[in-house]
Amino acid sequence: MSASHRRCPWSPLALATLLAVALALTAASSHVRGTRLEVQDWDCPPDPASCARPVVVRGFPFPYISDYHGISPVGDATLIDALLGVDLFHAGAFCANVGVYLALAAGAWRALRPPRPRP
């Protein structure tokens, strides 16, 4: 049988479960706090100085929430505030986290699942 005719080893229910687990783990990772340099829309000093300032970020392994300096309470960032637009939400980093946790969940599912008999 050619590779293009093989059946997907995951049922729709398994895929939905893995995606739900990945989303839950990504949301839970918003409790992991860190800092990073980030350029926001503040006034920049003259060259060669940088506009980047340290801000509080949340999310693991890729921070997807940033404290927004002009609106948000200083020194705090939360998922709820990011969804409300008070803090910055980085969709690319969020999707990268979902991908990482989806791969981990799929690996755990495969490792913990009993082997199926081959026909």
C-alpha atoms as a PDB file:
ATOM      1  CA  MET A   1       0.000   0.000   0.000  1.00  0.00           C
ATOM      2  CA  SER A   2       1.410   3.391  -0.936  1.00  0.00           C
ATOM      3  CA  ALA A   3       1.982   6.123   1.627  1.00  0.00           C
ATOM      4  CA  SER A   4      -0.795   8.248   0.170  1.00  0.00           C
ATOM      5  CA  HIS A   5      -3.387   5.503   0.795  1.00  0.00           C
ATOM      6  CA  ARG A   6      -2.534   4.748   4.388  1.00  0.00           C
ATOM      7  CA  ARG A   7      -5.160   5.539   6.960  1.00  0.00           C
ATOM      8  CA  CYS A   8      -4.526   8.144   9.607  1.00  0.00           C
ATOM      9  CA  PRO A   9      -3.560   6.365  12.845  1.00  0.00           C
ATOM     10  CA  TRP A  10      -5.559   8.899  14.858  1.00  0.00           C
ATOM     11  CA  SER A  11      -9.333   8.835  15.187  1.00  0.00           C
ATOM     12  CA  PRO A  12     -11.201  12.161  15.135  1.00  0.00           C
ATOM     13  CA  LEU A  13     -11.916  11.733  18.854  1.00  0.00           C
ATOM     14  CA  ALA A  14      -8.216  11.149  19.591  1.00  0.00           C
ATOM     15  CA  LEU A  15      -7.234  14.220  17.561  1.00  0.00           C
ATOM     16  CA  ALA A  16      -9.832  16.364  19.333  1.00  0.00           C
ATOM     17  CA  THR A  17      -8.630  15.074  22.712  1.00  0.00           C
ATOM     18  CA  LEU A  18      -4.978  15.758  21.876  1.00  0.00           C
ATOM     19  CA  LEU A  19      -5.824  19.274  20.685  1.00  0.00           C
ATOM     20  CA  ALA A  20      -7.846  19.952  23.858  1.00  0.00           C
ATOM     21  CA  VAL A  21      -4.924  18.749  26.001  1.00  0.00           C
ATOM     22  CA  ALA A  22      -2.487  20.931  24.017  1.00  0.00           C
ATOM     23  CA  LEU A  23      -4.716  24.000  24.411  1.00  0.00           C
ATOM     24  CA  ALA A  24      -5.147  23.353  28.144  1.00  0.00           C
ATOM     25  CA  LEU A  25      -1.392  22.964  28.653  1.00  0.00           C
ATOM     26  CA  THR A  26      -0.722  26.124  26.653  1.00  0.00           C
ATOM     27  CA  ALA A  27      -3.236  28.058  28.753  1.00  0.00           C
ATOM     28  CA  ALA A  28      -1.729  26.615  31.953  1.00  0.00           C
ATOM     29  CA  SER A  29       1.729  27.691  30.801  1.00  0.00           C
ATOM     30  CA  SER A  30       0.578  31.308  31.118  1.00  0.00           C
ATOM     31  CA  HIS A  31       1.403  30.945  34.823  1.00  0.00           C
ATOM     32  CA  VAL A  32       5.118  30.716  33.953  1.00  0.00           C
ATOM     33  CA  ARG A  33       6.491  34.218  34.360  1.00  0.00           C
ATOM     34  CA  GLY A  34       9.615  35.674  32.800  1.00  0.00           C
ATOM     35  CA  THR A  35      11.040  38.848  31.335  1.00  0.00           C
ATOM     36  CA  ARG A  36      12.447  39.749  27.952  1.00  0.00           C
ATOM     37  CA  LEU A  37      13.481  42.814  26.023  1.00  0.00           C
ATOM     38  CA  GLU A  38      10.685  44.007  23.804  1.00  0.00           C
ATOM     39  CA  VAL A  39      10.112  47.002  21.591  1.00  0.00           C
ATOM     40  CA  GLN A  40       6.715  48.593  22.129  1.00  0.00           C
ATOM     41  CA  ASP A  41       5.386  51.931  20.892  1.00  0.00           C
ATOM     42  CA  TRP A  42       7.165  54.169  23.402  1.00  0.00           C
ATOM     43  CA  ASP A  43       9.382  57.090  22.439  1.00  0.00           C
ATOM     44  CA  CYS A  44      12.769  55.885  21.238  1.00  0.00           C
ATOM     45  CA  PRO A  45      16.018  57.516  22.287  1.00  0.00           C
ATOM     46  CA  PRO A  46      18.312  58.767  19.544  1.00  0.00           C
ATOM     47  CA  ASP A  47      20.557  56.220  17.794  1.00  0.00           C
ATOM     48  CA  PRO A  48      22.523  54.096  18.647  1.00  0.00           C
ATOM     49  CA  ALA A  49      20.435  53.412  21.786  1.00  0.00           C
ATOM     50  CA  SER A  50      17.698  50.791  21.538  1.00  0.00           C
ATOM     51  CA  CYS A  51      13.964  51.109  22.054  1.00  0.00           C
ATOM     52  CA  ALA A  52      13.825  47.687  23.680  1.00  0.00           C
ATOM     53  CA  ARG A  53      12.788  47.648  27.335  1.00  0.00           C
ATOM     54  CA  PRO A  54      12.419  44.729  29.759  1.00  0.00           C
ATOM     55  CA  VAL A  55       8.798  43.627  30.111  1.00  0.00           C
ATOM     56  CA  VAL A  56       7.042  40.854  32.026  1.00  0.00           C
ATOM     57  CA  VAL A  57       6.040  37.954  29.787  1.00  0.00           C
ATOM     58  CA  ARG A  58       4.011  34.794  30.363  1.00  0.00           C
ATOM     59  CA  GLY A  59       3.949  31.425  28.630  1.00  0.00           C
ATOM     60  CA  PHE A  60       6.271  28.453  28.248  1.00  0.00           C
ATOM     61  CA  PRO A  61       8.319  27.480  26.265  1.00  0.00           C
ATOM     62  CA  PHE A  62       7.512  30.497  24.083  1.00  0.00           C
ATOM     63  CA  PRO A  63       6.159  33.564  25.904  1.00  0.00           C
ATOM     64  CA  TYR A  64       2.887  34.562  24.246  1.00  0.00           C
ATOM     65  CA  ILE A  65       1.681  37.279  26.650  1.00  0.00           C
ATOM     66  CA  SER A  66       3.528  40.564  27.250  1.00  0.00           C
ATOM     67  CA  ASP A  67       2.828  43.307  29.741  1.00  0.00           C
ATOM     68  CA  TYR A  68       1.669  46.313  27.710  1.00  0.00           C
ATOM     69  CA  HIS A  69       3.404  49.332  29.157  1.00  0.00           C
ATOM     70  CA  GLY A  70       0.727  51.969  28.588  1.00  0.00           C
ATOM     71  CA  ILE A  71      -2.481  50.196  29.555  1.00  0.00           C
ATOM     72  CA  SER A  72      -1.758  47.228  31.792  1.00  0.00           C
ATOM     73  CA  PRO A  73      -0.848  47.410  35.495  1.00  0.00           C
ATOM     74  CA  VAL A  74       2.943  47.675  35.540  1.00  0.00           C
ATOM     75  CA  GLY A  75       4.822  44.444  36.147  1.00  0.00           C
ATOM     76  CA  ASP A  76       1.957  42.044  35.539  1.00  0.00           C
ATOM     77  CA  ALA A  77       0.576  40.189  32.552  1.00  0.00           C
ATOM     78  CA  THR A  78      -2.287  37.703  32.513  1.00  0.00           C
ATOM     79  CA  LEU A  79      -4.082  35.594  29.943  1.00  0.00           C
ATOM     80  CA  ILE A  80      -7.402  37.272  30.713  1.00  0.00           C
ATOM     81  CA  ASP A  81      -5.907  40.743  30.280  1.00  0.00           C
ATOM     82  CA  ALA A  82      -4.327  39.628  26.998  1.00  0.00           C
ATOM     83  CA  LEU A  83      -7.676  38.337  25.725  1.00  0.00           C
ATOM     84  CA  LEU A  84      -9.292  41.636  26.764  1.00  0.00           C
ATOM     85  CA  GLY A  85      -6.589  43.658  24.985  1.00  0.00           C
ATOM     86  CA  VAL A  86      -5.030  45.102  28.129  1.00  0.00           C
ATOM     87  CA  ASP A  87      -1.838  43.053  27.669  1.00  0.00           C
ATOM     88  CA  LEU A  88      -0.270  42.005  24.359  1.00  0.00           C
ATOM     89  CA  PHE A  89      -1.155  38.572  22.935  1.00  0.00           C
ATOM     90  CA  HIS A  90       1.347  37.049  20.489  1.00  0.00           C
ATOM     91  CA  ALA A  91      -0.609  34.591  18.328  1.00  0.00           C
ATOM     92  CA  GLY A  92       2.468  33.098  16.652  1.00  0.00           C
ATOM     93  CA  ALA A  93       4.063  32.157  19.978  1.00  0.00           C
ATOM     94  CA  PHE A  94       0.707  30.821  21.212  1.00  0.00           C
ATOM     95  CA  CYS A  95       0.420  28.564  18.146  1.00  0.00           C
ATOM     96  CA  ALA A  96       4.029  27.428  18.591  1.00  0.00           C
ATOM     97  CA  ASN A  97       3.229  26.425  22.186  1.00  0.00           C
ATOM     98  CA  VAL A  98       0.132  24.541  21.048  1.00  0.00           C
ATOM     99  CA  GLY A  99       2.307  22.699  18.511  1.00  0.00           C
ATOM    100  CA  VAL A 100       4.898  21.763  21.131  1.00  0.00           C
ATOM    101  CA  TYR A 101       2.273  20.513  23.578  1.00  0.00           C
ATOM    102  CA  LEU A 102       0.390  18.709  20.797  1.00  0.00           C
ATOM    103  CA  ALA A 103       3.571  16.835  19.848  1.00  0.00           C
ATOM    104  CA  LEU A 104       4.251  15.975  23.495  1.00  0.00           C
ATOM    105  CA  ALA A 105       0.667  14.810  24.040  1.00  0.00           C
ATOM    106  CA  ALA A 106       0.750  12.698  20.871  1.00  0.00           C
ATOM    107  CA  GLY A 107       4.053  11.123  21.950  1.00  0.00           C
ATOM    108  CA  ALA A 108       2.685  10.355  25.405  1.00  0.00           C
ATOM    109  CA  TRP A 109      -0.502   8.918  23.878  1.00  0.00           C
ATOM    110  CA  ARG A 110       1.538   6.635  21.610  1.00  0.00           C
ATOM    111  CA  ALA A 111       3.871   5.577  24.421  1.00  0.00           C
ATOM    112  CA  LEU A 112       1.084   4.807  26.915  1.00  0.00           C
ATOM    113  CA  ARG A 113      -1.333   3.171  24.509  1.00  0.00           C
ATOM    114  CA  PRO A 114      -1.196  -0.630  24.336  1.00  0.00           C
ATOM    115  CA  PRO A 115       0.096  -1.930  21.001  1.00  0.00           C
ATOM    116  CA  ARG A 116      -2.563  -2.924  18.485  1.00  0.00           C
ATOM    117  CA  PRO A 117      -2.305  -6.323  16.845  1.00  0.00           C
ATOM    118  CA  ARG A 118      -1.225  -6.114  13.220  1.00  0.00           C
ATOM    119  CA  PRO A 119      -3.471  -7.785  10.628  1.00  0.00           C
END
